[in-house]
Amino acid sequence: MEKRSIQRGRPAGTKTFDAVPAKAFGAAVAALRTEDGIAQETLALMTGIERSHMGKIERGLHAPTLVLILRIAKAMGRSAGELMLETEARLPSSWEDAGSASAAPAKSKNSAE
């Protein structure tokens, strides 16, 4: 029996960037940042990234890695879970993902009614 070789990278046909959750995350960060009275440049410095990169994250042009999400949350004095809840709340109801990320908020909204 032959051993199959492991191929690195994403499977063919998968997307490497989805603008909808990136924009929702960026909007959540921007809203919480302004609510806390933190300047974008200050948050970027506290996070350890360039201000221009923080701007791209807030505009939904870049999707941050898990490590960066954790660093942003820590710099804001919040949990990553709090940022994710804000992000999920900002996702449009029409957005669908194979992981059913949009289904979880819909269930919780229906159960609250």
N, C-alpha and C. Protein backbone atom coordinates (compact mmCIF):
# COMPACT_ATOMS: atom_id res chain seq x y z
N MET A 1 0.84 -1.18 0.00
CA MET A 1 0.00 0.00 0.00
C MET A 1 0.89 1.24 0.00
N GLU A 2 0.60 2.14 -0.91
CA GLU A 2 1.41 3.36 -1.03
C GLU A 2 0.98 4.41 -0.02
N LYS A 3 1.95 5.09 0.49
CA LYS A 3 1.66 6.19 1.41
C LYS A 3 1.37 7.44 0.60
N ARG A 4 0.26 8.10 0.90
CA ARG A 4 -0.08 9.33 0.19
C ARG A 4 0.72 10.49 0.74
N SER A 5 1.15 11.35 -0.16
CA SER A 5 1.91 12.51 0.28
C SER A 5 0.95 13.57 0.82
N ILE A 6 1.44 14.33 1.77
CA ILE A 6 0.65 15.40 2.37
C ILE A 6 0.88 16.67 1.57
N GLN A 7 -0.19 17.28 1.14
CA GLN A 7 -0.08 18.53 0.41
C GLN A 7 -0.33 19.69 1.36
N ARG A 8 0.55 20.66 1.29
CA ARG A 8 0.41 21.83 2.15
C ARG A 8 -0.54 22.83 1.53
N GLY A 9 -1.05 23.71 2.38
CA GLY A 9 -1.92 24.78 1.90
C GLY A 9 -3.39 24.43 1.98
N ARG A 10 -4.19 25.32 1.47
CA ARG A 10 -5.64 25.14 1.49
C ARG A 10 -6.08 24.21 0.38
N PRO A 11 -7.18 23.49 0.61
CA PRO A 11 -7.72 22.65 -0.46
C PRO A 11 -8.15 23.50 -1.65
N ALA A 12 -8.09 22.92 -2.83
CA ALA A 12 -8.49 23.64 -4.04
C ALA A 12 -9.93 24.11 -3.92
N GLY A 13 -10.17 25.35 -4.32
CA GLY A 13 -11.51 25.89 -4.31
C GLY A 13 -11.90 26.65 -3.06
N THR A 14 -11.09 26.57 -2.00
CA THR A 14 -11.44 27.31 -0.79
C THR A 14 -11.00 28.76 -0.91
N LYS A 15 -11.72 29.62 -0.21
CA LYS A 15 -11.39 31.03 -0.23
C LYS A 15 -10.41 31.33 0.91
N THR A 16 -9.48 32.20 0.64
CA THR A 16 -8.53 32.57 1.69
C THR A 16 -8.98 33.83 2.42
N PHE A 17 -9.95 34.54 1.85
CA PHE A 17 -10.42 35.77 2.47
C PHE A 17 -11.91 35.92 2.21
N ASP A 18 -12.65 36.18 3.26
CA ASP A 18 -14.08 36.43 3.14
C ASP A 18 -14.32 37.81 3.73
N ALA A 19 -14.74 38.75 2.90
CA ALA A 19 -14.88 40.14 3.30
C ALA A 19 -16.00 40.37 4.32
N VAL A 20 -17.04 39.55 4.31
CA VAL A 20 -18.17 39.79 5.20
C VAL A 20 -17.77 39.69 6.67
N PRO A 21 -17.18 38.59 7.12
CA PRO A 21 -16.78 38.56 8.54
C PRO A 21 -15.64 39.53 8.85
N ALA A 22 -14.78 39.80 7.88
CA ALA A 22 -13.70 40.76 8.11
C ALA A 22 -14.26 42.14 8.36
N LYS A 23 -15.28 42.53 7.59
CA LYS A 23 -15.92 43.84 7.79
C LYS A 23 -16.68 43.88 9.11
N ALA A 24 -17.33 42.78 9.47
CA ALA A 24 -18.06 42.73 10.73
C ALA A 24 -17.11 42.84 11.91
N PHE A 25 -15.97 42.15 11.84
CA PHE A 25 -14.98 42.24 12.91
C PHE A 25 -14.42 43.66 13.01
N GLY A 26 -14.08 44.23 11.87
CA GLY A 26 -13.55 45.59 11.85
C GLY A 26 -14.51 46.60 12.41
N ALA A 27 -15.79 46.47 12.06
CA ALA A 27 -16.81 47.38 12.58
C ALA A 27 -16.96 47.22 14.10
N ALA A 28 -16.87 45.98 14.57
CA ALA A 28 -16.97 45.74 16.01
C ALA A 28 -15.79 46.37 16.75
N VAL A 29 -14.59 46.20 16.23
CA VAL A 29 -13.40 46.79 16.87
C VAL A 29 -13.50 48.31 16.86
N ALA A 30 -13.87 48.88 15.73
CA ALA A 30 -13.97 50.34 15.63
C ALA A 30 -15.01 50.89 16.59
N ALA A 31 -16.17 50.24 16.68
CA ALA A 31 -17.23 50.71 17.57
C ALA A 31 -16.81 50.64 19.03
N LEU A 32 -16.22 49.51 19.43
CA LEU A 32 -15.79 49.36 20.82
C LEU A 32 -14.65 50.32 21.15
N ARG A 33 -13.76 50.51 20.18
CA ARG A 33 -12.63 51.42 20.39
C ARG A 33 -13.12 52.84 20.62
N THR A 34 -14.04 53.31 19.78
CA THR A 34 -14.54 54.67 19.94
C THR A 34 -15.39 54.80 21.20
N GLU A 35 -16.12 53.73 21.53
CA GLU A 35 -16.90 53.71 22.78
C GLU A 35 -15.99 53.89 23.99
N ASP A 36 -14.81 53.28 23.93
CA ASP A 36 -13.84 53.38 25.02
C ASP A 36 -13.00 54.64 24.95
N GLY A 37 -13.15 55.42 23.88
CA GLY A 37 -12.38 56.66 23.73
C GLY A 37 -10.92 56.45 23.41
N ILE A 38 -10.62 55.37 22.71
CA ILE A 38 -9.23 55.05 22.34
C ILE A 38 -9.02 55.46 20.89
N ALA A 39 -7.95 56.17 20.61
CA ALA A 39 -7.61 56.54 19.24
C ALA A 39 -7.10 55.30 18.50
N GLN A 40 -7.33 55.27 17.19
CA GLN A 40 -6.89 54.14 16.38
C GLN A 40 -5.38 53.94 16.49
N GLU A 41 -4.63 55.02 16.44
CA GLU A 41 -3.18 54.93 16.54
C GLU A 41 -2.75 54.38 17.89
N THR A 42 -3.42 54.78 18.95
CA THR A 42 -3.11 54.28 20.29
C THR A 42 -3.37 52.78 20.38
N LEU A 43 -4.51 52.35 19.85
CA LEU A 43 -4.83 50.91 19.87
C LEU A 43 -3.80 50.13 19.07
N ALA A 44 -3.40 50.67 17.93
CA ALA A 44 -2.39 49.99 17.11
C ALA A 44 -1.08 49.85 17.89
N LEU A 45 -0.65 50.91 18.56
CA LEU A 45 0.58 50.85 19.34
C LEU A 45 0.46 49.85 20.49
N MET A 46 -0.69 49.85 21.16
CA MET A 46 -0.91 48.91 22.27
C MET A 46 -0.94 47.46 21.78
N THR A 47 -1.37 47.28 20.54
CA THR A 47 -1.46 45.94 19.96
C THR A 47 -0.12 45.50 19.37
N GLY A 48 0.72 46.47 19.02
CA GLY A 48 2.03 46.14 18.45
C GLY A 48 2.01 46.04 16.94
N ILE A 49 1.08 46.76 16.29
CA ILE A 49 1.02 46.75 14.83
C ILE A 49 1.04 48.19 14.32
N GLU A 50 1.21 48.35 13.02
CA GLU A 50 1.19 49.67 12.41
C GLU A 50 -0.22 50.24 12.41
N ARG A 51 -0.35 51.55 12.50
CA ARG A 51 -1.65 52.19 12.46
C ARG A 51 -2.38 51.89 11.16
N SER A 52 -1.65 51.87 10.07
CA SER A 52 -2.28 51.60 8.77
C SER A 52 -2.86 50.19 8.72
N HIS A 53 -2.21 49.24 9.37
CA HIS A 53 -2.74 47.88 9.42
C HIS A 53 -4.02 47.85 10.25
N MET A 54 -4.04 48.58 11.37
CA MET A 54 -5.25 48.64 12.20
C MET A 54 -6.39 49.25 11.39
N GLY A 55 -6.08 50.28 10.60
CA GLY A 55 -7.11 50.89 9.76
C GLY A 55 -7.67 49.91 8.75
N LYS A 56 -6.81 49.09 8.17
CA LYS A 56 -7.26 48.09 7.20
C LYS A 56 -8.12 47.02 7.87
N ILE A 57 -7.77 46.67 9.10
CA ILE A 57 -8.58 45.70 9.86
C ILE A 57 -9.96 46.30 10.12
N GLU A 58 -9.99 47.56 10.59
CA GLU A 58 -11.27 48.20 10.91
C GLU A 58 -12.14 48.42 9.67
N ARG A 59 -11.54 48.59 8.52
CA ARG A 59 -12.31 48.75 7.28
C ARG A 59 -12.67 47.41 6.65
N GLY A 60 -12.19 46.32 7.21
CA GLY A 60 -12.51 45.00 6.69
C GLY A 60 -11.67 44.59 5.50
N LEU A 61 -10.54 45.26 5.29
CA LEU A 61 -9.66 44.92 4.18
C LEU A 61 -8.68 43.81 4.53
N HIS A 62 -8.42 43.62 5.82
CA HIS A 62 -7.55 42.54 6.30
C HIS A 62 -8.31 41.74 7.35
N ALA A 63 -8.17 40.44 7.29
CA ALA A 63 -8.73 39.56 8.31
C ALA A 63 -7.59 39.19 9.26
N PRO A 64 -7.68 39.58 10.52
CA PRO A 64 -6.59 39.31 11.45
C PRO A 64 -6.50 37.83 11.82
N THR A 65 -5.30 37.42 12.19
CA THR A 65 -5.09 36.06 12.67
C THR A 65 -5.63 35.94 14.09
N LEU A 66 -5.72 34.73 14.57
CA LEU A 66 -6.18 34.49 15.94
C LEU A 66 -5.28 35.20 16.94
N VAL A 67 -3.98 35.13 16.72
CA VAL A 67 -3.03 35.78 17.62
C VAL A 67 -3.29 37.28 17.66
N LEU A 68 -3.53 37.88 16.52
CA LEU A 68 -3.78 39.32 16.47
C LEU A 68 -5.12 39.68 17.11
N ILE A 69 -6.12 38.83 16.94
CA ILE A 69 -7.41 39.06 17.60
C ILE A 69 -7.22 39.06 19.12
N LEU A 70 -6.44 38.11 19.62
CA LEU A 70 -6.18 38.04 21.06
C LEU A 70 -5.42 39.28 21.54
N ARG A 71 -4.47 39.75 20.75
CA ARG A 71 -3.70 40.95 21.12
C ARG A 71 -4.57 42.20 21.10
N ILE A 72 -5.45 42.31 20.12
CA ILE A 72 -6.37 43.45 20.04
C ILE A 72 -7.29 43.44 21.26
N ALA A 73 -7.85 42.28 21.58
CA ALA A 73 -8.75 42.17 22.73
C ALA A 73 -8.03 42.56 24.02
N LYS A 74 -6.82 42.07 24.20
CA LYS A 74 -6.07 42.38 25.42
C LYS A 74 -5.79 43.88 25.50
N ALA A 75 -5.41 44.48 24.39
CA ALA A 75 -5.13 45.92 24.36
C ALA A 75 -6.37 46.74 24.69
N MET A 76 -7.54 46.22 24.33
CA MET A 76 -8.80 46.92 24.60
C MET A 76 -9.36 46.61 25.98
N GLY A 77 -8.70 45.71 26.69
CA GLY A 77 -9.19 45.33 28.02
C GLY A 77 -10.46 44.50 27.96
N ARG A 78 -10.60 43.74 26.89
CA ARG A 78 -11.78 42.90 26.69
C ARG A 78 -11.34 41.48 26.38
N SER A 79 -12.29 40.58 26.37
CA SER A 79 -11.97 39.21 26.00
C SER A 79 -12.16 39.03 24.49
N ALA A 80 -11.49 38.05 23.94
CA ALA A 80 -11.65 37.74 22.52
C ALA A 80 -13.09 37.29 22.26
N GLY A 81 -13.68 36.63 23.24
CA GLY A 81 -15.07 36.20 23.11
C GLY A 81 -16.02 37.38 22.97
N GLU A 82 -15.73 38.44 23.71
CA GLU A 82 -16.54 39.65 23.61
C GLU A 82 -16.45 40.25 22.21
N LEU A 83 -15.23 40.27 21.65
CA LEU A 83 -15.06 40.77 20.28
C LEU A 83 -15.80 39.88 19.28
N MET A 84 -15.78 38.58 19.50
CA MET A 84 -16.47 37.66 18.58
C MET A 84 -17.98 37.82 18.67
N LEU A 85 -18.51 38.03 19.89
CA LEU A 85 -19.95 38.25 20.03
C LEU A 85 -20.38 39.52 19.31
N GLU A 86 -19.57 40.58 19.43
CA GLU A 86 -19.86 41.82 18.71
C GLU A 86 -19.78 41.61 17.21
N THR A 87 -18.82 40.81 16.79
CA THR A 87 -18.67 40.51 15.36
C THR A 87 -19.89 39.74 14.85
N GLU A 88 -20.30 38.71 15.58
CA GLU A 88 -21.46 37.92 15.17
C GLU A 88 -22.72 38.77 15.09
N ALA A 89 -22.85 39.71 16.00
CA ALA A 89 -24.02 40.58 16.00
C ALA A 89 -24.05 41.48 14.77
N ARG A 90 -22.89 41.73 14.18
CA ARG A 90 -22.80 42.61 13.02
C ARG A 90 -22.82 41.85 11.69
N LEU A 91 -22.82 40.53 11.73
CA LEU A 91 -22.91 39.75 10.49
C LEU A 91 -24.31 39.85 9.92
N PRO A 92 -24.43 40.03 8.62
CA PRO A 92 -25.77 40.05 8.03
C PRO A 92 -26.41 38.67 8.12
N SER A 93 -27.72 38.63 8.27
CA SER A 93 -28.41 37.35 8.43
C SER A 93 -28.29 36.48 7.18
N SER A 94 -27.97 37.09 6.04
CA SER A 94 -27.84 36.32 4.80
C SER A 94 -26.49 35.63 4.67
N TRP A 95 -25.53 35.99 5.53
CA TRP A 95 -24.19 35.40 5.42
C TRP A 95 -24.23 33.97 5.91
N GLU A 96 -23.72 33.07 5.09
CA GLU A 96 -23.68 31.66 5.44
C GLU A 96 -22.27 31.15 5.31
N ASP A 97 -21.93 30.24 6.20
CA ASP A 97 -20.60 29.65 6.19
C ASP A 97 -20.75 28.15 6.44
N ALA A 98 -19.83 27.40 5.94
CA ALA A 98 -19.86 25.94 6.14
C ALA A 98 -19.84 25.59 7.61
N GLY A 99 -19.21 26.44 8.43
CA GLY A 99 -19.13 26.20 9.86
C GLY A 99 -20.37 26.65 10.62
N SER A 100 -21.38 27.17 9.92
CA SER A 100 -22.62 27.65 10.52
C SER A 100 -22.39 28.73 11.56
N ALA A 101 -21.42 29.60 11.31
CA ALA A 101 -21.13 30.69 12.24
C ALA A 101 -22.32 31.64 12.35
N SER A 102 -23.05 31.81 11.25
CA SER A 102 -24.19 32.73 11.30
C SER A 102 -25.42 32.07 11.92
N ALA A 103 -25.42 30.74 12.02
CA ALA A 103 -26.58 30.06 12.58
C ALA A 103 -26.66 30.22 14.09
N ALA A 104 -25.51 30.28 14.76
CA ALA A 104 -25.52 30.38 16.22
C ALA A 104 -26.20 31.65 16.70
N PRO A 105 -25.88 32.85 16.15
CA PRO A 105 -26.58 34.03 16.62
C PRO A 105 -28.08 33.99 16.30
N ALA A 106 -28.44 33.39 15.16
CA ALA A 106 -29.85 33.34 14.79
C ALA A 106 -30.63 32.50 15.80
N LYS A 107 -30.06 31.39 16.26
CA LYS A 107 -30.73 30.56 17.24
C LYS A 107 -30.92 31.31 18.54
N SER A 108 -29.87 32.02 18.98
CA SER A 108 -29.96 32.72 20.25
C SER A 108 -30.96 33.86 20.17
N LYS A 109 -31.08 34.49 19.00
CA LYS A 109 -32.06 35.57 18.83
C LYS A 109 -33.48 35.00 18.90
N ASN A 110 -33.70 33.85 18.25
CA ASN A 110 -35.03 33.26 18.25
C ASN A 110 -35.43 32.77 19.63
N SER A 111 -34.47 32.23 20.39
CA SER A 111 -34.79 31.73 21.71
C SER A 111 -35.06 32.86 22.69
N ALA A 112 -34.54 34.06 22.39
CA ALA A 112 -34.76 35.20 23.29
C ALA A 112 -36.13 35.81 23.08
N GLU A 113 -36.76 35.53 21.94
CA GLU A 113 -38.07 36.12 21.65
C GLU A 113 -39.19 35.41 22.36
